[in-house]
Amino acid sequence: LGLNEPILWRYGHWLLGFATGDLGVSLSNGQDIAKSV
């Protein structure tokens, strides 16, 4: 999940993903969040 990475790096990666339409994966069911949303 990348939880061992520095928090600023995780934030930048998450923000870049949101800007490009990659919202990550749901922890509860493993599905792509963008598709579910």
PDB file of all heavy atoms in Angstrom:
ATOM      1  N   LEU A   1       0.810  -1.226   0.000  1.00  0.00           N
ATOM      2  CA  LEU A   1       0.000   0.000   0.000  1.00  0.00           C
ATOM      3  C   LEU A   1       0.836   1.266   0.000  1.00  0.00           C
ATOM      4  O   LEU A   1       0.293   2.366  -0.113  1.00  0.00           O
ATOM      5  CB  LEU A   1      -0.933   0.005   1.227  1.00  0.00           C
ATOM      6  CG  LEU A   1      -1.980  -1.104   1.304  1.00  0.00           C
ATOM      7  CD1 LEU A   1      -2.747  -1.018   2.611  1.00  0.00           C
ATOM      8  CD2 LEU A   1      -2.941  -1.028   0.121  1.00  0.00           C
ATOM      9  N   GLY A   2       2.142   1.130   0.149  1.00  0.00           N
ATOM     10  CA  GLY A   2       3.008   2.305   0.178  1.00  0.00           C
ATOM     11  C   GLY A   2       2.984   3.046   1.497  1.00  0.00           C
ATOM     12  O   GLY A   2       3.399   4.209   1.561  1.00  0.00           O
ATOM     13  N   LEU A   3       2.548   2.371   2.557  1.00  0.00           N
ATOM     14  CA  LEU A   3       2.439   3.046   3.853  1.00  0.00           C
ATOM     15  C   LEU A   3       3.788   3.274   4.509  1.00  0.00           C
ATOM     16  O   LEU A   3       3.886   4.026   5.483  1.00  0.00           O
ATOM     17  CB  LEU A   3       1.533   2.224   4.788  1.00  0.00           C
ATOM     18  CG  LEU A   3       0.085   2.040   4.322  1.00  0.00           C
ATOM     19  CD1 LEU A   3      -0.678   1.149   5.298  1.00  0.00           C
ATOM     20  CD2 LEU A   3      -0.601   3.387   4.178  1.00  0.00           C
ATOM     21  N   ASN A   4       4.830   2.630   3.995  1.00  0.00           N
ATOM     22  CA  ASN A   4       6.166   2.825   4.555  1.00  0.00           C
ATOM     23  C   ASN A   4       6.880   4.023   3.943  1.00  0.00           C
ATOM     24  O   ASN A   4       7.963   4.397   4.405  1.00  0.00           O
ATOM     25  CB  ASN A   4       7.011   1.558   4.348  1.00  0.00           C
ATOM     26  CG  ASN A   4       6.449   0.371   5.106  1.00  0.00           C
ATOM     27  OD1 ASN A   4       5.847   0.534   6.163  1.00  0.00           O
ATOM     28  ND2 ASN A   4       6.638  -0.838   4.565  1.00  0.00           N
ATOM     29  N   GLU A   5       6.308   4.586   2.895  1.00  0.00           N
ATOM     30  CA  GLU A   5       6.924   5.751   2.246  1.00  0.00           C
ATOM     31  C   GLU A   5       6.717   7.007   3.090  1.00  0.00           C
ATOM     32  O   GLU A   5       5.779   7.081   3.893  1.00  0.00           O
ATOM     33  CB  GLU A   5       6.291   5.949   0.859  1.00  0.00           C
ATOM     34  CG  GLU A   5       6.439   4.775  -0.088  1.00  0.00           C
ATOM     35  CD  GLU A   5       7.864   4.588  -0.550  1.00  0.00           C
ATOM     36  OE1 GLU A   5       8.673   5.542  -0.410  1.00  0.00           O
ATOM     37  OE2 GLU A   5       8.186   3.492  -1.044  1.00  0.00           O
ATOM     38  N   PRO A   6       7.569   8.026   2.906  1.00  0.00           N
ATOM     39  CA  PRO A   6       7.372   9.298   3.619  1.00  0.00           C
ATOM     40  C   PRO A   6       6.005   9.901   3.278  1.00  0.00           C
ATOM     41  O   PRO A   6       5.527   9.790   2.139  1.00  0.00           O
ATOM     42  CB  PRO A   6       8.512  10.178   3.099  1.00  0.00           C
ATOM     43  CG  PRO A   6       9.541   9.210   2.611  1.00  0.00           C
ATOM     44  CD  PRO A   6       8.787   8.013   2.103  1.00  0.00           C
ATOM     45  N   ILE A   7       5.390  10.550   4.253  1.00  0.00           N
ATOM     46  CA  ILE A   7       4.017  11.020   4.072  1.00  0.00           C
ATOM     47  C   ILE A   7       3.908  12.072   2.972  1.00  0.00           C
ATOM     48  O   ILE A   7       2.912  12.122   2.240  1.00  0.00           O
ATOM     49  CB  ILE A   7       3.447  11.547   5.405  1.00  0.00           C
ATOM     50  CG1 ILE A   7       1.931  11.792   5.263  1.00  0.00           C
ATOM     51  CG2 ILE A   7       4.183  12.804   5.870  1.00  0.00           C
ATOM     52  CD1 ILE A   7       1.228  12.030   6.580  1.00  0.00           C
ATOM     53  N   LEU A   8       4.936  12.915   2.809  1.00  0.00           N
ATOM     54  CA  LEU A   8       4.885  13.931   1.745  1.00  0.00           C
ATOM     55  C   LEU A   8       4.934  13.271   0.373  1.00  0.00           C
ATOM     56  O   LEU A   8       4.258  13.722  -0.564  1.00  0.00           O
ATOM     57  CB  LEU A   8       6.040  14.919   1.909  1.00  0.00           C
ATOM     58  CG  LEU A   8       5.925  15.885   3.089  1.00  0.00           C
ATOM     59  CD1 LEU A   8       7.163  16.784   3.169  1.00  0.00           C
ATOM     60  CD2 LEU A   8       4.673  16.754   2.957  1.00  0.00           C
ATOM     61  N   TRP A   9       5.731  12.215   0.245  1.00  0.00           N
ATOM     62  CA  TRP A   9       5.784  11.507  -1.030  1.00  0.00           C
ATOM     63  C   TRP A   9       4.436  10.851  -1.325  1.00  0.00           C
ATOM     64  O   TRP A   9       3.956  10.873  -2.457  1.00  0.00           O
ATOM     65  CB  TRP A   9       6.881  10.443  -0.987  1.00  0.00           C
ATOM     66  CG  TRP A   9       7.119   9.793  -2.332  1.00  0.00           C
ATOM     67  CD1 TRP A   9       8.025  10.174  -3.265  1.00  0.00           C
ATOM     68  CD2 TRP A   9       6.425   8.664  -2.871  1.00  0.00           C
ATOM     69  NE1 TRP A   9       7.939   9.362  -4.369  1.00  0.00           N
ATOM     70  CE2 TRP A   9       6.967   8.421  -4.157  1.00  0.00           C
ATOM     71  CE3 TRP A   9       5.399   7.852  -2.408  1.00  0.00           C
ATOM     72  CZ2 TRP A   9       6.530   7.386  -4.970  1.00  0.00           C
ATOM     73  CZ3 TRP A   9       4.957   6.819  -3.216  1.00  0.00           C
ATOM     74  CH2 TRP A   9       5.518   6.590  -4.474  1.00  0.00           C
ATOM     75  N   ARG A  10       3.813  10.272  -0.276  1.00  0.00           N
ATOM     76  CA  ARG A  10       2.498   9.654  -0.454  1.00  0.00           C
ATOM     77  C   ARG A  10       1.455  10.681  -0.854  1.00  0.00           C
ATOM     78  O   ARG A  10       0.594  10.424  -1.706  1.00  0.00           O
ATOM     79  CB  ARG A  10       2.078   8.952   0.844  1.00  0.00           C
ATOM     80  CG  ARG A  10       2.805   7.653   1.096  1.00  0.00           C
ATOM     81  CD  ARG A  10       2.760   7.230   2.555  1.00  0.00           C
ATOM     82  NE  ARG A  10       1.407   7.287   3.092  1.00  0.00           N
ATOM     83  CZ  ARG A  10       1.134   7.351   4.385  1.00  0.00           C
ATOM     84  NH1 ARG A  10       2.127   7.399   5.265  1.00  0.00           N
ATOM     85  NH2 ARG A  10      -0.120   7.372   4.795  1.00  0.00           N
ATOM     86  N   TYR A  11       1.529  11.857  -0.251  1.00  0.00           N
ATOM     87  CA  TYR A  11       0.571  12.925  -0.601  1.00  0.00           C
ATOM     88  C   TYR A  11       0.748  13.357  -2.049  1.00  0.00           C
ATOM     89  O   TYR A  11      -0.241  13.503  -2.789  1.00  0.00           O
ATOM     90  CB  TYR A  11       0.764  14.116   0.338  1.00  0.00           C
ATOM     91  CG  TYR A  11       0.034  15.362  -0.121  1.00  0.00           C
ATOM     92  CD1 TYR A  11      -1.363  15.415  -0.120  1.00  0.00           C
ATOM     93  CD2 TYR A  11       0.734  16.476  -0.579  1.00  0.00           C
ATOM     94  CE1 TYR A  11      -2.035  16.546  -0.551  1.00  0.00           C
ATOM     95  CE2 TYR A  11       0.060  17.606  -1.004  1.00  0.00           C
ATOM     96  CZ  TYR A  11      -1.305  17.640  -0.993  1.00  0.00           C
ATOM     97  OH  TYR A  11      -1.979  18.759  -1.430  1.00  0.00           O
ATOM     98  N   GLY A  12       1.983  13.575  -2.474  1.00  0.00           N
ATOM     99  CA  GLY A  12       2.232  13.979  -3.856  1.00  0.00           C
ATOM    100  C   GLY A  12       1.773  12.925  -4.847  1.00  0.00           C
ATOM    101  O   GLY A  12       1.168  13.250  -5.882  1.00  0.00           O
ATOM    102  N   HIS A  13       2.041  11.660  -4.526  1.00  0.00           N
ATOM    103  CA  HIS A  13       1.610  10.561  -5.401  1.00  0.00           C
ATOM    104  C   HIS A  13       0.086  10.502  -5.474  1.00  0.00           C
ATOM    105  O   HIS A  13      -0.490  10.320  -6.553  1.00  0.00           O
ATOM    106  CB  HIS A  13       2.180   9.245  -4.865  1.00  0.00           C
ATOM    107  CG  HIS A  13       1.811   8.056  -5.685  1.00  0.00           C
ATOM    108  ND1 HIS A  13       2.366   7.786  -6.910  1.00  0.00           N
ATOM    109  CD2 HIS A  13       0.914   7.047  -5.455  1.00  0.00           C
ATOM    110  CE1 HIS A  13       1.846   6.677  -7.410  1.00  0.00           C
ATOM    111  NE2 HIS A  13       0.955   6.215  -6.542  1.00  0.00           N
ATOM    112  N   TRP A  14      -0.575  10.663  -4.328  1.00  0.00           N
ATOM    113  CA  TRP A  14      -2.046  10.623  -4.285  1.00  0.00           C
ATOM    114  C   TRP A  14      -2.650  11.800  -5.053  1.00  0.00           C
ATOM    115  O   TRP A  14      -3.610  11.629  -5.817  1.00  0.00           O
ATOM    116  CB  TRP A  14      -2.500  10.655  -2.830  1.00  0.00           C
ATOM    117  CG  TRP A  14      -3.980  10.785  -2.643  1.00  0.00           C
ATOM    118  CD1 TRP A  14      -4.933   9.822  -2.813  1.00  0.00           C
ATOM    119  CD2 TRP A  14      -4.694  11.965  -2.238  1.00  0.00           C
ATOM    120  NE1 TRP A  14      -6.192  10.318  -2.543  1.00  0.00           N
ATOM    121  CE2 TRP A  14      -6.066  11.629  -2.185  1.00  0.00           C
ATOM    122  CE3 TRP A  14      -4.300  13.259  -1.907  1.00  0.00           C
ATOM    123  CZ2 TRP A  14      -7.048  12.551  -1.830  1.00  0.00           C
ATOM    124  CZ3 TRP A  14      -5.274  14.180  -1.543  1.00  0.00           C
ATOM    125  CH2 TRP A  14      -6.639  13.825  -1.509  1.00  0.00           C
ATOM    126  N   LEU A  15      -2.086  13.005  -4.868  1.00  0.00           N
ATOM    127  CA  LEU A  15      -2.610  14.190  -5.555  1.00  0.00           C
ATOM    128  C   LEU A  15      -2.410  14.073  -7.057  1.00  0.00           C
ATOM    129  O   LEU A  15      -3.309  14.424  -7.844  1.00  0.00           O
ATOM    130  CB  LEU A  15      -1.935  15.447  -5.012  1.00  0.00           C
ATOM    131  CG  LEU A  15      -2.474  16.781  -5.522  1.00  0.00           C
ATOM    132  CD1 LEU A  15      -3.941  16.954  -5.159  1.00  0.00           C
ATOM    133  CD2 LEU A  15      -1.653  17.949  -4.966  1.00  0.00           C
ATOM    134  N   LEU A  16      -1.257  13.583  -7.485  1.00  0.00           N
ATOM    135  CA  LEU A  16      -1.010  13.396  -8.918  1.00  0.00           C
ATOM    136  C   LEU A  16      -1.968  12.365  -9.493  1.00  0.00           C
ATOM    137  O   LEU A  16      -2.490  12.535 -10.604  1.00  0.00           O
ATOM    138  CB  LEU A  16       0.439  12.954  -9.136  1.00  0.00           C
ATOM    139  CG  LEU A  16       0.859  12.727 -10.598  1.00  0.00           C
ATOM    140  CD1 LEU A  16       0.744  14.024 -11.391  1.00  0.00           C
ATOM    141  CD2 LEU A  16       2.285  12.175 -10.672  1.00  0.00           C
ATOM    142  N   GLY A  17      -2.211  11.305  -8.726  1.00  0.00           N
ATOM    143  CA  GLY A  17      -3.160  10.301  -9.185  1.00  0.00           C
ATOM    144  C   GLY A  17      -4.556  10.871  -9.337  1.00  0.00           C
ATOM    145  O   GLY A  17      -5.251  10.584 -10.318  1.00  0.00           O
ATOM    146  N   PHE A  18      -4.983  11.697  -8.375  1.00  0.00           N
ATOM    147  CA  PHE A  18      -6.303  12.312  -8.475  1.00  0.00           C
ATOM    148  C   PHE A  18      -6.388  13.214  -9.699  1.00  0.00           C
ATOM    149  O   PHE A  18      -7.406  13.230 -10.400  1.00  0.00           O
ATOM    150  CB  PHE A  18      -6.593  13.125  -7.208  1.00  0.00           C
ATOM    151  CG  PHE A  18      -7.952  13.768  -7.195  1.00  0.00           C
ATOM    152  CD1 PHE A  18      -9.072  13.056  -6.795  1.00  0.00           C
ATOM    153  CD2 PHE A  18      -8.130  15.081  -7.616  1.00  0.00           C
ATOM    154  CE1 PHE A  18     -10.334  13.637  -6.804  1.00  0.00           C
ATOM    155  CE2 PHE A  18      -9.377  15.673  -7.625  1.00  0.00           C
ATOM    156  CZ  PHE A  18     -10.487  14.941  -7.216  1.00  0.00           C
ATOM    157  N   ALA A  19      -5.310  13.969  -9.975  1.00  0.00           N
ATOM    158  CA  ALA A  19      -5.308  14.881 -11.124  1.00  0.00           C
ATOM    159  C   ALA A  19      -5.387  14.117 -12.444  1.00  0.00           C
ATOM    160  O   ALA A  19      -5.911  14.640 -13.439  1.00  0.00           O
ATOM    161  CB  ALA A  19      -4.059  15.760 -11.097  1.00  0.00           C
ATOM    162  N   THR A  20      -4.888  12.876 -12.469  1.00  0.00           N
ATOM    163  CA  THR A  20      -4.903  12.079 -13.700  1.00  0.00           C
ATOM    164  C   THR A  20      -6.046  11.065 -13.738  1.00  0.00           C
ATOM    165  O   THR A  20      -6.106  10.246 -14.651  1.00  0.00           O
ATOM    166  CB  THR A  20      -3.558  11.351 -13.859  1.00  0.00           C
ATOM    167  OG1 THR A  20      -3.309  10.544 -12.697  1.00  0.00           O
ATOM    168  CG2 THR A  20      -2.421  12.356 -14.036  1.00  0.00           C
ATOM    169  N   GLY A  21      -6.925  11.109 -12.724  1.00  0.00           N
ATOM    170  CA  GLY A  21      -8.075  10.212 -12.707  1.00  0.00           C
ATOM    171  C   GLY A  21      -7.842   8.891 -12.009  1.00  0.00           C
ATOM    172  O   GLY A  21      -8.728   8.024 -12.007  1.00  0.00           O
ATOM    173  N   ASP A  22      -6.671   8.705 -11.394  1.00  0.00           N
ATOM    174  CA  ASP A  22      -6.383   7.477 -10.651  1.00  0.00           C
ATOM    175  C   ASP A  22      -6.677   7.725  -9.177  1.00  0.00           C
ATOM    176  O   ASP A  22      -5.892   8.370  -8.470  1.00  0.00           O
ATOM    177  CB  ASP A  22      -4.918   7.080 -10.842  1.00  0.00           C
ATOM    178  CG  ASP A  22      -4.559   5.813 -10.092  1.00  0.00           C
ATOM    179  OD1 ASP A  22      -5.489   5.126  -9.612  1.00  0.00           O
ATOM    180  OD2 ASP A  22      -3.350   5.512  -9.986  1.00  0.00           O
ATOM    181  N   LEU A  23      -7.803   7.217  -8.690  1.00  0.00           N
ATOM    182  CA  LEU A  23      -8.219   7.461  -7.303  1.00  0.00           C
ATOM    183  C   LEU A  23      -7.769   6.361  -6.353  1.00  0.00           C
ATOM    184  O   LEU A  23      -8.083   6.416  -5.162  1.00  0.00           O
ATOM    185  CB  LEU A  23      -9.741   7.605  -7.241  1.00  0.00           C
ATOM    186  CG  LEU A  23     -10.361   8.691  -8.134  1.00  0.00           C
ATOM    187  CD1 LEU A  23     -11.859   8.761  -7.914  1.00  0.00           C
ATOM    188  CD2 LEU A  23      -9.712  10.038  -7.883  1.00  0.00           C
ATOM    189  N   GLY A  24      -7.042   5.374  -6.865  1.00  0.00           N
ATOM    190  CA  GLY A  24      -6.560   4.310  -5.997  1.00  0.00           C
ATOM    191  C   GLY A  24      -7.507   3.126  -5.958  1.00  0.00           C
ATOM    192  O   GLY A  24      -8.423   2.997  -6.771  1.00  0.00           O
ATOM    193  N   VAL A  25      -7.286   2.275  -4.966  1.00  0.00           N
ATOM    194  CA  VAL A  25      -8.042   1.028  -4.820  1.00  0.00           C
ATOM    195  C   VAL A  25      -8.706   1.005  -3.448  1.00  0.00           C
ATOM    196  O   VAL A  25      -8.111   1.416  -2.449  1.00  0.00           O
ATOM    197  CB  VAL A  25      -7.113  -0.194  -4.979  1.00  0.00           C
ATOM    198  CG1 VAL A  25      -7.879  -1.491  -4.760  1.00  0.00           C
ATOM    199  CG2 VAL A  25      -6.477  -0.198  -6.359  1.00  0.00           C
ATOM    200  N   SER A  26      -9.931   0.543  -3.403  1.00  0.00           N
ATOM    201  CA  SER A  26     -10.662   0.449  -2.144  1.00  0.00           C
ATOM    202  C   SER A  26     -10.033  -0.610  -1.239  1.00  0.00           C
ATOM    203  O   SER A  26      -9.651  -1.688  -1.691  1.00  0.00           O
ATOM    204  CB  SER A  26     -12.127   0.082  -2.413  1.00  0.00           C
ATOM    205  OG  SER A  26     -12.799  -0.238  -1.212  1.00  0.00           O
ATOM    206  N   LEU A  27      -9.890  -0.278   0.047  1.00  0.00           N
ATOM    207  CA  LEU A  27      -9.331  -1.239   1.005  1.00  0.00           C
ATOM    208  C   LEU A  27     -10.326  -2.333   1.351  1.00  0.00           C
ATOM    209  O   LEU A  27      -9.931  -3.440   1.708  1.00  0.00           O
ATOM    210  CB  LEU A  27      -8.913  -0.504   2.288  1.00  0.00           C
ATOM    211  CG  LEU A  27      -7.826   0.569   2.163  1.00  0.00           C
ATOM    212  CD1 LEU A  27      -7.526   1.156   3.530  1.00  0.00           C
ATOM    213  CD2 LEU A  27      -6.565   0.001   1.530  1.00  0.00           C
ATOM    214  N   SER A  28     -11.623  -2.023   1.266  1.00  0.00           N
ATOM    215  CA  SER A  28     -12.633  -2.980   1.723  1.00  0.00           C
ATOM    216  C   SER A  28     -12.938  -4.072   0.702  1.00  0.00           C
ATOM    217  O   SER A  28     -13.273  -5.197   1.068  1.00  0.00           O
ATOM    218  CB  SER A  28     -13.933  -2.249   2.093  1.00  0.00           C
ATOM    219  OG  SER A  28     -14.443  -1.538   0.976  1.00  0.00           O
ATOM    220  N   ASN A  29     -12.833  -3.757  -0.591  1.00  0.00           N
ATOM    221  CA  ASN A  29     -13.179  -4.772  -1.600  1.00  0.00           C
ATOM    222  C   ASN A  29     -12.153  -4.909  -2.718  1.00  0.00           C
ATOM    223  O   ASN A  29     -12.327  -5.744  -3.611  1.00  0.00           O
ATOM    224  CB  ASN A  29     -14.557  -4.476  -2.204  1.00  0.00           C
ATOM    225  CG  ASN A  29     -14.659  -3.060  -2.764  1.00  0.00           C
ATOM    226  OD1 ASN A  29     -13.669  -2.480  -3.189  1.00  0.00           O
ATOM    227  ND2 ASN A  29     -15.870  -2.513  -2.744  1.00  0.00           N
ATOM    228  N   GLY A  30     -11.100  -4.083  -2.690  1.00  0.00           N
ATOM    229  CA  GLY A  30     -10.043  -4.192  -3.692  1.00  0.00           C
ATOM    230  C   GLY A  30     -10.406  -3.676  -5.072  1.00  0.00           C
ATOM    231  O   GLY A  30      -9.635  -3.846  -6.018  1.00  0.00           O
ATOM    232  N   GLN A  31     -11.572  -3.037  -5.205  1.00  0.00           N
ATOM    233  CA  GLN A  31     -12.002  -2.538  -6.513  1.00  0.00           C
ATOM    234  C   GLN A  31     -11.423  -1.154  -6.789  1.00  0.00           C
ATOM    235  O   GLN A  31     -11.093  -0.401  -5.863  1.00  0.00           O
ATOM    236  CB  GLN A  31     -13.526  -2.492  -6.575  1.00  0.00           C
ATOM    237  CG  GLN A  31     -14.193  -3.850  -6.522  1.00  0.00           C
ATOM    238  CD  GLN A  31     -15.701  -3.762  -6.650  1.00  0.00           C
ATOM    239  OE1 GLN A  31     -16.263  -2.682  -6.707  1.00  0.00           O
ATOM    240  NE2 GLN A  31     -16.361  -4.915  -6.691  1.00  0.00           N
ATOM    241  N   ASP A  32     -11.324  -0.846  -8.077  1.00  0.00           N
ATOM    242  CA  ASP A  32     -10.855   0.479  -8.481  1.00  0.00           C
ATOM    243  C   ASP A  32     -11.865   1.543  -8.050  1.00  0.00           C
ATOM    244  O   ASP A  32     -13.050   1.454  -8.383  1.00  0.00           O
ATOM    245  CB  ASP A  32     -10.660   0.514 -10.003  1.00  0.00           C
ATOM    246  CG  ASP A  32     -10.138   1.851 -10.479  1.00  0.00           C
ATOM    247  OD1 ASP A  32      -8.987   2.185 -10.163  1.00  0.00           O
ATOM    248  OD2 ASP A  32     -10.896   2.573 -11.157  1.00  0.00           O
ATOM    249  N   ILE A  33     -11.395   2.560  -7.307  1.00  0.00           N
ATOM    250  CA  ILE A  33     -12.306   3.558  -6.748  1.00  0.00           C
ATOM    251  C   ILE A  33     -12.941   4.393  -7.851  1.00  0.00           C
ATOM    252  O   ILE A  33     -14.138   4.706  -7.792  1.00  0.00           O
ATOM    253  CB  ILE A  33     -11.560   4.463  -5.749  1.00  0.00           C
ATOM    254  CG1 ILE A  33     -11.068   3.635  -4.560  1.00  0.00           C
ATOM    255  CG2 ILE A  33     -12.462   5.601  -5.259  1.00  0.00           C
ATOM    256  CD1 ILE A  33     -10.210   4.421  -3.590  1.00  0.00           C
ATOM    257  N   ALA A  34     -12.158   4.753  -8.870  1.00  0.00           N
ATOM    258  CA  ALA A  34     -12.693   5.596  -9.944  1.00  0.00           C
ATOM    259  C   ALA A  34     -13.875   4.925 -10.635  1.00  0.00           C
ATOM    260  O   ALA A  34     -14.881   5.567 -10.949  1.00  0.00           O
ATOM    261  CB  ALA A  34     -11.594   5.912 -10.961  1.00  0.00           C
ATOM    262  N   LYS A  35     -13.766   3.621 -10.843  1.00  0.00           N
ATOM    263  CA  LYS A  35     -14.855   2.894 -11.500  1.00  0.00           C
ATOM    264  C   LYS A  35     -16.095   2.838 -10.593  1.00  0.00           C
ATOM    265  O   LYS A  35     -17.227   3.008 -11.053  1.00  0.00           O
ATOM    266  CB  LYS A  35     -14.399   1.487 -11.859  1.00  0.00           C
ATOM    267  CG  LYS A  35     -15.406   0.694 -12.678  1.00  0.00           C
ATOM    268  CD  LYS A  35     -14.858  -0.684 -13.032  1.00  0.00           C
ATOM    269  CE  LYS A  35     -13.661  -0.567 -13.955  1.00  0.00           C
ATOM    270  NZ  LYS A  35     -13.172  -1.910 -14.393  1.00  0.00           N
ATOM    271  N   SER A  36     -15.873   2.617  -9.303  1.00  0.00           N
ATOM    272  CA  SER A  36     -16.997   2.552  -8.365  1.00  0.00           C
ATOM    273  C   SER A  36     -17.664   3.907  -8.194  1.00  0.00           C
ATOM    274  O   SER A  36     -18.892   4.011  -8.108  1.00  0.00           O
ATOM    275  CB  SER A  36     -16.510   2.043  -7.002  1.00  0.00           C
ATOM    276  OG  SER A  36     -15.915   0.772  -7.107  1.00  0.00           O
ATOM    277  N   VAL A  37     -16.845   4.954  -8.139  1.00  0.00           N
ATOM    278  CA  VAL A  37     -17.370   6.311  -7.923  1.00  0.00           C
ATOM    279  C   VAL A  37     -18.113   6.807  -9.152  1.00  0.00           C
ATOM    280  O   VAL A  37     -19.084   7.564  -9.037  1.00  0.00           O
ATOM    281  CB  VAL A  37     -16.222   7.268  -7.549  1.00  0.00           C
ATOM    282  CG1 VAL A  37     -16.637   8.729  -7.729  1.00  0.00           C
ATOM    283  CG2 VAL A  37     -15.792   7.041  -6.108  1.00  0.00           C
TER     284      VAL A  37
END
